[in-house]
C-alpha atoms as a PDB file:
ATOM      1  CA  MET A   1     -23.746  -2.109  19.234  1.00  0.00           C
ATOM      2  CA  THR A   2     -20.075  -1.585  18.400  1.00  0.00           C
ATOM      3  CA  PRO A   3     -18.080  -4.789  17.985  1.00  0.00           C
ATOM      4  CA  ASP A   4     -15.198  -5.503  20.327  1.00  0.00           C
ATOM      5  CA  PRO A   5     -12.029  -4.212  18.695  1.00  0.00           C
ATOM      6  CA  VAL A   6      -9.987  -6.714  16.734  1.00  0.00           C
ATOM      7  CA  LEU A   7      -6.613  -5.785  15.276  1.00  0.00           C
ATOM      8  CA  LEU A   8      -5.341  -7.752  12.304  1.00  0.00           C
ATOM      9  CA  LEU A   9      -1.569  -7.431  12.218  1.00  0.00           C
ATOM     10  CA  VAL A  10      -0.281  -8.203   8.730  1.00  0.00           C
ATOM     11  CA  GLU A  11       3.409  -8.899   9.251  1.00  0.00           C
ATOM     12  CA  ASP A  12       5.694 -11.618   7.914  1.00  0.00           C
ATOM     13  CA  ASP A  13       8.652 -11.077  10.256  1.00  0.00           C
ATOM     14  CA  GLU A  14       8.160 -13.355  13.267  1.00  0.00           C
ATOM     15  CA  SER A  15      10.452 -11.202  15.426  1.00  0.00           C
ATOM     16  CA  ASP A  16       8.386  -8.098  14.671  1.00  0.00           C
ATOM     17  CA  VAL A  17       5.203 -10.015  15.538  1.00  0.00           C
ATOM     18  CA  LEU A  18       6.709 -11.213  18.817  1.00  0.00           C
ATOM     19  CA  PHE A  19       7.954  -7.740  19.795  1.00  0.00           C
ATOM     20  CA  LEU A  20       4.626  -6.130  18.901  1.00  0.00           C
ATOM     21  CA  LYS A  21       2.719  -8.712  20.942  1.00  0.00           C
ATOM     22  CA  ARG A  22       4.985  -8.020  23.925  1.00  0.00           C
ATOM     23  CA  ALA A  23       4.616  -4.278  23.492  1.00  0.00           C
ATOM     24  CA  PHE A  24       0.812  -4.536  23.300  1.00  0.00           C
ATOM     25  CA  GLN A  25       0.795  -6.706  26.422  1.00  0.00           C
ATOM     26  CA  LYS A  26       2.982  -4.215  28.332  1.00  0.00           C
ATOM     27  CA  ALA A  27       0.810  -1.359  27.065  1.00  0.00           C
ATOM     28  CA  GLY A  28      -2.250  -3.030  28.591  1.00  0.00           C
ATOM     29  CA  ALA A  29      -4.005  -3.480  25.258  1.00  0.00           C
ATOM     30  CA  THR A  30      -7.385  -5.156  25.612  1.00  0.00           C
ATOM     31  CA  PHE A  31      -8.249  -5.695  21.953  1.00  0.00           C
ATOM     32  CA  ARG A  32      -8.002  -9.081  20.282  1.00  0.00           C
ATOM     33  CA  LEU A  33      -4.890  -9.455  18.116  1.00  0.00           C
ATOM     34  CA  GLN A  34      -4.905 -11.670  15.045  1.00  0.00           C
ATOM     35  CA  VAL A  35      -1.942 -12.158  12.691  1.00  0.00           C
ATOM     36  CA  ALA A  36      -1.666 -12.818   8.964  1.00  0.00           C
ATOM     37  CA  GLN A  37       1.840 -13.367   7.620  1.00  0.00           C
ATOM     38  CA  THR A  38       1.327 -12.845   3.886  1.00  0.00           C
ATOM     39  CA  GLY A  39      -0.672 -10.515   1.716  1.00  0.00           C
ATOM     40  CA  ARG A  40      -2.761 -13.405   0.426  1.00  0.00           C
ATOM     41  CA  ASP A  41      -3.478 -14.580   3.987  1.00  0.00           C
ATOM     42  CA  ALA A  42      -4.569 -11.053   4.915  1.00  0.00           C
ATOM     43  CA  ILE A  43      -7.062 -10.973   2.043  1.00  0.00           C
ATOM     44  CA  ALA A  44      -8.347 -14.459   2.882  1.00  0.00           C
ATOM     45  CA  TYR A  45      -8.736 -13.429   6.534  1.00  0.00           C
ATOM     46  CA  LEU A  46     -10.570 -10.217   5.656  1.00  0.00           C
ATOM     47  CA  ALA A  47     -12.824 -12.060   3.201  1.00  0.00           C
ATOM     48  CA  GLY A  48     -13.509 -14.819   5.747  1.00  0.00           C
ATOM     49  CA  GLU A  49     -12.442 -17.469   3.269  1.00  0.00           C
ATOM     50  CA  GLY A  50     -10.695 -20.812   3.527  1.00  0.00           C
ATOM     51  CA  ALA A  51      -8.952 -21.360   6.855  1.00  0.00           C
ATOM     52  CA  TYR A  52     -10.408 -18.041   8.070  1.00  0.00           C
ATOM     53  CA  ALA A  53     -14.084 -18.837   7.438  1.00  0.00           C
ATOM     54  CA  ASP A  54     -14.831 -19.485  11.137  1.00  0.00           C
ATOM     55  CA  ARG A  55     -15.566 -15.978  12.419  1.00  0.00           C
ATOM     56  CA  SER A  56     -15.634 -17.133  16.043  1.00  0.00           C
ATOM     57  CA  ALA A  57     -11.973 -18.152  15.698  1.00  0.00           C
ATOM     58  CA  PHE A  58     -11.085 -15.392  13.216  1.00  0.00           C
ATOM     59  CA  PRO A  59     -13.365 -12.426  13.959  1.00  0.00           C
ATOM     60  CA  ALA A  60     -13.709  -9.644  11.441  1.00  0.00           C
ATOM     61  CA  PRO A  61     -11.154  -6.963  12.297  1.00  0.00           C
ATOM     62  CA  THR A  62     -12.033  -3.408  13.139  1.00  0.00           C
ATOM     63  CA  HIS A  63      -8.431  -2.301  12.539  1.00  0.00           C
ATOM     64  CA  VAL A  64      -5.584  -3.463  10.319  1.00  0.00           C
ATOM     65  CA  LEU A  65      -1.902  -2.766  10.948  1.00  0.00           C
ATOM     66  CA  LEU A  66      -0.279  -3.448   7.604  1.00  0.00           C
ATOM     67  CA  ASP A  67       3.344  -4.003   6.628  1.00  0.00           C
ATOM     68  CA  LEU A  68       4.183  -3.126   3.027  1.00  0.00           C
ATOM     69  CA  ASN A  69       6.929  -5.646   2.338  1.00  0.00           C
ATOM     70  CA  LEU A  70       4.972  -8.889   2.401  1.00  0.00           C
ATOM     71  CA  PRO A  71       5.362 -12.196   0.595  1.00  0.00           C
ATOM     72  CA  GLU A  72       2.782 -13.280  -2.008  1.00  0.00           C
ATOM     73  CA  LYS A  73       1.095  -9.864  -2.278  1.00  0.00           C
ATOM     74  CA  PRO A  74       2.566  -6.486  -1.302  1.00  0.00           C
ATOM     75  CA  GLY A  75       0.882  -4.443   1.410  1.00  0.00           C
ATOM     76  CA  LEU A  76      -0.167  -1.647  -0.930  1.00  0.00           C
ATOM     77  CA  GLU A  77      -2.028  -4.187  -3.084  1.00  0.00           C
ATOM     78  CA  VAL A  78      -3.716  -5.516   0.052  1.00  0.00           C
ATOM     79  CA  LEU A  79      -4.730  -1.964   0.983  1.00  0.00           C
ATOM     80  CA  GLU A  80      -6.042  -1.349  -2.522  1.00  0.00           C
ATOM     81  CA  TRP A  81      -8.098  -4.561  -2.290  1.00  0.00           C
ATOM     82  CA  ILE A  82      -9.471  -3.576   1.141  1.00  0.00           C
ATOM     83  CA  ARG A  83     -10.604  -0.204  -0.171  1.00  0.00           C
ATOM     84  CA  SER A  84     -12.256  -1.841  -3.218  1.00  0.00           C
ATOM     85  CA  VAL A  85     -14.576  -3.983  -1.070  1.00  0.00           C
ATOM     86  CA  PRO A  86     -17.594  -1.946   0.115  1.00  0.00           C
ATOM     87  CA  ALA A  87     -18.224  -4.279   3.069  1.00  0.00           C
ATOM     88  CA  LEU A  88     -14.763  -3.371   4.424  1.00  0.00           C
ATOM     89  CA  SER A  89     -15.160   0.404   4.145  1.00  0.00           C
ATOM     90  CA  GLY A  90     -15.398   0.809   7.927  1.00  0.00           C
ATOM     91  CA  ILE A  91     -12.092  -0.907   8.676  1.00  0.00           C
ATOM     92  CA  HIS A  92      -9.349   1.380   9.946  1.00  0.00           C
ATOM     93  CA  VAL A  93      -6.033   0.699   8.210  1.00  0.00           C
ATOM     94  CA  SER A  94      -2.637   1.954   9.311  1.00  0.00           C
ATOM     95  CA  ILE A  95       0.649   1.126   7.668  1.00  0.00           C
ATOM     96  CA  LEU A  96       3.563   0.010   9.874  1.00  0.00           C
ATOM     97  CA  THR A  97       6.625  -0.638   7.785  1.00  0.00           C
ATOM     98  CA  SER A  98      10.362  -0.181   7.546  1.00  0.00           C
ATOM     99  CA  SER A  99       9.987   1.602   4.190  1.00  0.00           C
ATOM    100  CA  ARG A 100      10.690   5.301   4.192  1.00  0.00           C
ATOM    101  CA  GLU A 101      10.065   5.655   0.453  1.00  0.00           C
ATOM    102  CA  SER A 102       8.064   8.786  -0.335  1.00  0.00           C
ATOM    103  CA  ARG A 103       6.238   6.971  -3.158  1.00  0.00           C
ATOM    104  CA  ASP A 104       5.021   4.349  -0.635  1.00  0.00           C
ATOM    105  CA  LEU A 105       3.892   7.117   1.700  1.00  0.00           C
ATOM    106  CA  ARG A 106       1.999   8.912  -1.080  1.00  0.00           C
ATOM    107  CA  ARG A 107       0.416   5.729  -2.400  1.00  0.00           C
ATOM    108  CA  GLY A 108      -0.651   4.636   1.090  1.00  0.00           C
ATOM    109  CA  ARG A 109      -2.400   7.977   1.551  1.00  0.00           C
ATOM    110  CA  GLU A 110      -4.046   7.796  -1.886  1.00  0.00           C
ATOM    111  CA  LEU A 111      -5.383   4.329  -1.092  1.00  0.00           C
ATOM    112  CA  GLY A 112      -6.944   5.458   2.173  1.00  0.00           C
ATOM    113  CA  ALA A 113      -4.559   4.403   4.933  1.00  0.00           C
ATOM    114  CA  GLU A 114      -5.242   6.466   8.034  1.00  0.00           C
ATOM    115  CA  CYS A 115      -1.574   6.842   8.888  1.00  0.00           C
ATOM    116  CA  TYR A 116       1.891   5.669   7.918  1.00  0.00           C
ATOM    117  CA  LEU A 117       4.228   4.628  10.704  1.00  0.00           C
ATOM    118  CA  VAL A 118       7.862   3.570  10.402  1.00  0.00           C
ATOM    119  CA  LYS A 119       8.888   0.611  12.557  1.00  0.00           C
ATOM    120  CA  PRO A 120      10.900   1.802  15.535  1.00  0.00           C
ATOM    121  CA  MET A 121      14.381   0.443  16.176  1.00  0.00           C
ATOM    122  CA  SER A 122      14.102   0.171  19.968  1.00  0.00           C
ATOM    123  CA  PHE A 123      11.650  -1.617  22.228  1.00  0.00           C
ATOM    124  CA  ALA A 124      11.098   1.549  24.282  1.00  0.00           C
ATOM    125  CA  VAL A 125       9.888   3.415  21.196  1.00  0.00           C
ATOM    126  CA  LEU A 126       7.874   0.369  20.109  1.00  0.00           C
ATOM    127  CA  LEU A 127       6.188   0.362  23.525  1.00  0.00           C
ATOM    128  CA  ASP A 128       5.241   4.038  23.074  1.00  0.00           C
ATOM    129  CA  LEU A 129       3.878   3.159  19.644  1.00  0.00           C
ATOM    130  CA  ALA A 130       1.873   0.262  21.121  1.00  0.00           C
ATOM    131  CA  ARG A 131       0.387   2.593  23.747  1.00  0.00           C
ATOM    132  CA  SER A 132      -0.615   5.045  21.025  1.00  0.00           C
ATOM    133  CA  LEU A 133      -2.084   2.260  18.889  1.00  0.00           C
ATOM    134  CA  ASN A 134      -4.050   1.022  21.881  1.00  0.00           C
ATOM    135  CA  GLU A 135      -5.386   4.526  22.488  1.00  0.00           C
ATOM    136  CA  TRP A 136      -6.309   4.889  18.802  1.00  0.00           C
ATOM    137  CA  ILE A 137      -8.163   1.559  18.826  1.00  0.00           C
ATOM    138  CA  ARG A 138      -9.971   2.427  22.077  1.00  0.00           C
ATOM    139  CA  THR A 139     -10.961   5.986  21.184  1.00  0.00           C
ATOM    140  CA  GLY A 140     -10.845   6.220  17.398  1.00  0.00           C
ATOM    141  CA  GLN A 141      -8.601   9.286  17.701  1.00  0.00           C
ATOM    142  CA  ILE A 142      -5.377   9.190  15.719  1.00  0.00           C
ATOM    143  CA  PRO A 143      -2.542  10.825  17.681  1.00  0.00           C
ATOM    144  CA  PRO A 144      -1.588  14.215  16.213  1.00  0.00           C
ATOM    145  CA  ALA A 145       1.983  13.014  15.668  1.00  0.00           C
ATOM    146  CA  TRP A 146       0.614  10.456  13.192  1.00  0.00           C
ATOM    147  CA  GLU A 147      -1.013  12.986  10.901  1.00  0.00           C
ATOM    148  CA  TRP A 148       0.082  12.869   7.289  1.00  0.00           C
ATOM    149  CA  PRO A 149       2.933  15.212   6.347  1.00  0.00           C
ATOM    150  CA  ALA A 150       1.797  18.306   4.436  1.00  0.00           C
ATOM    151  CA  GLU A 151       3.484  17.153   1.207  1.00  0.00           C
ATOM    152  CA  VAL A 152       1.340  13.990   1.271  1.00  0.00           C
ATOM    153  CA  SER A 153      -1.917  15.331   2.706  1.00  0.00           C
ATOM    154  CA  GLY A 154      -2.169  18.226   0.294  1.00  0.00           C
ATOM    155  CA  ARG A 155      -2.186  20.777   3.105  1.00  0.00           C
ATOM    156  CA  SER A 156      -0.162  23.913   2.709  1.00  0.00           C
ATOM    157  CA  THR A 157       3.026  24.128   4.762  1.00  0.00           C
ATOM    158  CA  LYS A 158       2.699  27.909   5.075  1.00  0.00           C
END
């Protein structure tokens, strides 16, 4: 039996959290949304430790939407930790960040993120993103527009 989808949003900006929650609500998302605001909180949540030990209140996520610029522990270190824990190998991780740095993009891919998304500047685009995220969580299919660029994926551009 497949568990009900749970998305762990790892985001320290309260405005971004609020806008994403609104976008998911407008998109008709039916998954459970949990939030961790620091890299250390994300690891504690994923490990089910401390304040996050009660799995009925803090269910194990099936998906993680990870910012890179986090207090206490950067997102790429969180991703590296996730991928080092065999029990978490089935978790789908996508990066959602304001960083457009190619080194962040490459490192996210190397560490096993499924996609790298840049935070949109308008609510209309955020709503489209929320709809796509909802579809991805429901179906397991990453939208073609989210595929890694050829220079990061190793595919030929010819």
